[in-house]
């Protein structure tokens, strides 16, 4: 089946169904990304202790690989979600919706980089041998530094995600087919994630950022999954935007 045929079939799907699929992809992306990047690495990485981290990684290699697979799957859910949201909100503003999808696709690319960095520590930890140019402690430090890069890349991804939330929140607020309050709450969530421009500050305020995220994103997901969008109002606004 060609890409053109797939695109045409997606275009034929009702806006309400697209919204529900988008909500499902949003939920699954958050679940798989959080499990891989937060739960798994949070369980294995010991901050500031390269030796303990190395022991955890080698002792739980299967868990690390599952976390990698989960993080990679999250990228695909995110791309699908990005396209569906673009297709929905181009009825409000084609240009702004296109800019929002560009922002989140850059974020998806950064998210993919975190996946590349996910398994790299195993390469260093397996490189130790009597003839290696590095000692075992040095290789353990390199593995930990790669995981630090993974965390920094994920923080940068959250900035792009925050900007996307602000843009989509504004589009929801301007739309005729979804409640404005959902847009306002999503903007608040986006402002929280955008604070990762200053990671040190953001990590200190993370409980508040997480609360803002839940306030903005959970109601949106429930609304999309249960109600979707109003088909008639979407078509009406889409005809105005043409």
Protein backbone atom coordinates (compact mmCIF):
# COMPACT_ATOMS: atom_id res chain seq x y z
CA UNK A 1 0.00 0.00 0.00
CA UNK A 2 1.49 3.34 -1.06
CA UNK A 3 1.97 6.31 1.27
CA UNK A 4 -0.50 8.28 -0.84
CA UNK A 5 -3.18 5.63 -0.33
CA UNK A 6 -2.55 5.58 3.43
CA UNK A 7 -2.82 9.39 3.58
CA UNK A 8 -6.06 9.34 1.60
CA UNK A 9 -7.58 6.71 3.91
CA UNK A 10 -6.60 8.72 7.00
CA UNK A 11 -8.18 11.81 5.43
CA UNK A 12 -11.46 9.87 5.06
CA UNK A 13 -11.60 9.06 8.79
CA UNK A 14 -14.00 11.26 10.78
CA UNK A 15 -12.48 14.05 12.91
CA UNK A 16 -13.96 12.45 16.05
CA UNK A 17 -12.24 9.13 15.35
CA UNK A 18 -8.96 10.89 14.54
CA UNK A 19 -9.19 12.71 17.86
CA UNK A 20 -9.78 9.44 19.72
CA UNK A 21 -6.86 7.74 17.98
CA UNK A 22 -4.72 10.79 18.72
CA UNK A 23 -5.71 10.64 22.39
CA UNK A 24 -4.84 6.92 22.51
CA UNK A 25 -1.44 7.58 20.89
CA UNK A 26 -0.81 10.42 23.35
CA UNK A 27 -1.59 8.14 26.29
CA UNK A 28 0.55 5.27 24.96
CA UNK A 29 3.46 7.60 24.16
CA UNK A 30 3.42 9.00 27.67
CA UNK A 31 3.22 5.49 29.16
CA UNK A 32 6.05 3.96 27.10
CA UNK A 33 8.31 7.01 27.29
CA UNK A 34 7.89 7.41 31.05
CA UNK A 35 8.48 3.71 31.68
CA UNK A 36 11.65 3.64 29.60
CA UNK A 37 13.20 7.00 30.45
CA UNK A 38 11.98 7.55 34.01
CA UNK A 39 11.17 4.22 35.67
CA UNK A 40 13.81 1.94 34.15
CA UNK A 41 16.71 4.40 34.18
CA UNK A 42 15.61 5.68 37.59
CA UNK A 43 15.90 2.12 38.88
CA UNK A 44 19.29 1.39 37.31
CA UNK A 45 21.21 4.68 37.45
CA UNK A 46 22.80 5.69 40.75
CA UNK A 47 23.59 9.41 40.58
CA UNK A 48 27.29 10.13 40.95
CA UNK A 49 28.21 6.45 41.41
CA UNK A 50 29.61 5.00 38.20
CA UNK A 51 30.55 1.63 39.71
CA UNK A 52 27.10 0.99 41.22
CA UNK A 53 25.42 2.09 37.98
CA UNK A 54 27.65 -0.24 35.96
CA UNK A 55 26.77 -3.17 38.24
CA UNK A 56 23.06 -2.43 37.84
CA UNK A 57 23.30 -2.16 34.05
CA UNK A 58 25.17 -5.45 33.61
CA UNK A 59 23.03 -7.29 36.18
CA UNK A 60 19.76 -6.07 34.64
CA UNK A 61 20.65 -5.92 30.94
CA UNK A 62 17.28 -7.42 29.93
CA UNK A 63 15.44 -4.64 31.78
CA UNK A 64 17.65 -2.03 30.10
CA UNK A 65 16.85 -3.48 26.68
CA UNK A 66 13.14 -3.50 27.47
CA UNK A 67 13.43 0.14 28.52
CA UNK A 68 15.17 0.92 25.22
CA UNK A 69 12.42 -0.83 23.25
CA UNK A 70 9.75 1.04 25.21
CA UNK A 71 11.46 4.40 24.56
CA UNK A 72 11.78 3.60 20.86
CA UNK A 73 8.11 2.61 20.57
CA UNK A 74 7.25 5.93 22.24
CA UNK A 75 8.85 7.81 19.34
CA UNK A 76 6.54 6.10 16.83
CA UNK A 77 3.47 6.82 18.95
CA UNK A 78 4.59 10.44 19.16
CA UNK A 79 4.97 10.81 15.39
CA UNK A 80 1.49 9.34 14.84
CA UNK A 81 0.06 11.63 17.51
CA UNK A 82 1.81 14.66 15.98
CA UNK A 83 0.33 14.00 12.53
CA UNK A 84 -3.20 13.42 13.85
CA UNK A 85 -3.13 16.62 15.90
CA UNK A 86 -1.87 18.56 12.88
CA UNK A 87 -4.72 17.15 10.80
CA UNK A 88 -7.26 18.13 13.46
CA UNK A 89 -6.07 21.63 14.23
CA UNK A 90 -5.31 22.78 10.71
CA UNK A 91 -9.04 23.54 10.72
CA UNK A 92 -8.21 26.34 13.19
CA UNK A 93 -4.98 27.61 11.62
CA UNK A 94 -3.05 25.67 9.00
CA UNK A 95 0.14 27.70 9.50
CA UNK A 96 0.18 27.48 13.28
CA UNK A 97 -0.72 23.81 13.20
CA UNK A 98 2.12 23.18 10.72
CA UNK A 99 4.52 25.09 12.97
CA UNK A 100 3.38 23.03 15.96
CA UNK A 101 3.98 19.76 14.11
CA UNK A 102 7.43 21.00 13.04
CA UNK A 103 8.28 21.77 16.68
CA UNK A 104 7.15 18.38 17.94
CA UNK A 105 8.91 16.51 15.12
CA UNK A 106 12.15 18.20 16.15
CA UNK A 107 11.32 17.01 19.65
CA UNK A 108 10.73 13.49 18.31
CA UNK A 109 14.16 13.56 16.64
CA UNK A 110 15.74 14.49 19.99
CA UNK A 111 13.67 11.77 21.63
CA UNK A 112 15.14 9.31 19.11
CA UNK A 113 18.65 10.48 20.04
CA UNK A 114 17.94 9.53 23.65
CA UNK A 115 17.20 6.02 22.37
CA UNK A 116 20.60 5.87 20.64
CA UNK A 117 22.24 6.85 23.93
CA UNK A 118 20.19 4.34 25.89
CA UNK A 119 22.18 1.18 25.08
CA UNK A 120 25.54 2.88 24.46
CA UNK A 121 26.74 2.34 28.06
CA UNK A 122 26.76 -1.42 27.44
CA UNK A 123 29.32 -0.87 24.66
CA UNK A 124 31.74 0.74 27.10
CA UNK A 125 31.10 -1.76 29.87
CA UNK A 126 31.83 -4.65 27.51
CA UNK A 127 35.02 -3.01 26.24
CA UNK A 128 36.98 -3.75 29.39
CA UNK A 129 39.85 -6.21 28.82
CA UNK A 130 43.49 -6.53 29.87
CA UNK A 131 44.50 -4.95 26.55
CA UNK A 132 41.97 -2.09 26.69
CA UNK A 133 43.27 1.48 26.59
CA UNK A 134 40.93 2.32 29.50
CA UNK A 135 40.72 0.93 32.98
CA UNK A 136 37.48 -0.55 34.29
CA UNK A 137 36.69 2.54 36.45
CA UNK A 138 37.29 4.79 33.43
CA UNK A 139 34.90 2.72 31.30
CA UNK A 140 32.31 2.88 34.07
CA UNK A 141 32.67 6.66 34.17
CA UNK A 142 32.21 6.82 30.38
CA UNK A 143 29.04 4.73 30.66
CA UNK A 144 27.66 7.08 33.32
CA UNK A 145 28.54 10.14 31.20
CA UNK A 146 26.57 8.70 28.28
CA UNK A 147 23.57 8.28 30.55
CA UNK A 148 24.04 11.89 31.67
CA UNK A 149 23.89 12.87 27.98
CA UNK A 150 20.72 10.82 27.64
CA UNK A 151 19.17 12.77 30.53
CA UNK A 152 20.29 16.11 29.07
CA UNK A 153 18.82 15.21 25.66
CA UNK A 154 15.55 14.19 27.29
CA UNK A 155 15.42 17.52 29.14
CA UNK A 156 15.86 19.31 25.79
CA UNK A 157 13.07 17.20 24.29
CA UNK A 158 10.78 18.33 27.12
CA UNK A 159 11.38 21.97 26.11
CA UNK A 160 10.13 21.28 22.58
CA UNK A 161 7.23 19.31 24.00
CA UNK A 162 6.37 22.28 26.22
CA UNK A 163 6.36 24.68 23.26
CA UNK A 164 4.12 22.25 21.37
CA UNK A 165 1.70 22.13 24.33
CA UNK A 166 1.50 25.94 24.35
CA UNK A 167 0.79 26.07 20.61
CA UNK A 168 -1.81 23.28 20.68
CA UNK A 169 -3.38 24.77 23.80
CA UNK A 170 -3.81 28.05 21.94
CA UNK A 171 -5.33 26.22 18.95
CA UNK A 172 -7.75 24.37 21.24
CA UNK A 173 -8.73 27.69 22.83
CA UNK A 174 -9.47 29.14 19.37
CA UNK A 175 -11.29 26.06 18.15
CA UNK A 176 -15.06 25.68 17.86
CA UNK A 177 -15.02 21.93 18.42
CA UNK A 178 -13.33 21.48 21.84
CA UNK A 179 -13.79 23.14 25.27
CA UNK A 180 -11.59 26.22 25.72
CA UNK A 181 -10.67 25.21 29.27
CA UNK A 182 -8.70 22.25 27.90
CA UNK A 183 -6.58 24.65 25.87
CA UNK A 184 -5.93 26.91 28.84
CA UNK A 185 -4.86 23.97 31.01
CA UNK A 186 -2.59 22.63 28.28
CA UNK A 187 -0.84 26.01 27.99
CA UNK A 188 -0.12 25.86 31.74
CA UNK A 189 1.32 22.37 31.26
CA UNK A 190 3.46 23.60 28.37
CA UNK A 191 4.84 26.50 30.39
CA UNK A 192 5.91 24.00 33.03
CA UNK A 193 7.78 21.76 30.57
CA UNK A 194 9.37 24.79 28.90
CA UNK A 195 11.12 25.47 32.22
CA UNK A 196 13.55 22.69 31.28
CA UNK A 197 15.39 25.42 29.39
CA UNK A 198 16.96 25.78 32.84
CA UNK A 199 17.26 22.08 33.84
CA UNK A 200 18.63 22.72 37.33
CA UNK A 201 15.66 24.91 38.22
CA UNK A 202 13.20 22.58 36.51
CA UNK A 203 14.39 19.52 38.41
CA UNK A 204 14.00 21.38 41.70
CA UNK A 205 10.46 22.36 40.72
CA UNK A 206 9.63 19.01 39.13
CA UNK A 207 6.77 18.09 41.53
CA UNK A 208 4.99 21.33 40.56
CA UNK A 209 5.75 20.80 36.85
CA UNK A 210 4.39 17.25 37.06
CA UNK A 211 1.23 18.55 38.76
CA UNK A 212 0.77 21.16 36.01
CA UNK A 213 1.30 18.43 33.42
CA UNK A 214 -1.35 16.23 34.99
CA UNK A 215 -3.73 19.20 35.19
CA UNK A 216 -3.32 19.93 31.48
CA UNK A 217 -2.74 16.58 29.83
CA UNK A 218 -4.92 14.08 31.68
CA UNK A 219 -8.21 15.97 31.08
CA UNK A 220 -7.24 16.39 27.42
CA UNK A 221 -6.57 12.68 27.02
CA UNK A 222 -9.85 11.72 28.68
CA UNK A 223 -11.78 14.21 26.56
CA UNK A 224 -10.22 12.96 23.32
CA UNK A 225 -10.73 9.29 24.19
CA UNK A 226 -14.33 9.70 25.35
CA UNK A 227 -15.74 12.59 23.32
CA UNK A 228 -13.24 13.22 20.53
CA UNK A 229 -14.33 16.41 18.76
CA UNK A 230 -17.62 17.73 17.45
CA UNK A 231 -17.66 16.62 13.81
CA UNK A 232 -20.11 19.25 12.61
CA UNK A 233 -18.32 22.16 14.26
CA UNK A 234 -14.95 20.85 13.04
CA UNK A 235 -16.22 20.75 9.44
CA UNK A 236 -17.74 24.22 9.85
CA UNK A 237 -14.46 25.70 11.10
CA UNK A 238 -12.48 23.78 8.50
CA UNK A 239 -14.61 25.25 5.72
CA UNK A 240 -13.93 28.75 7.09
CA UNK A 241 -10.18 28.07 7.21
CA UNK A 242 -10.02 26.85 3.60
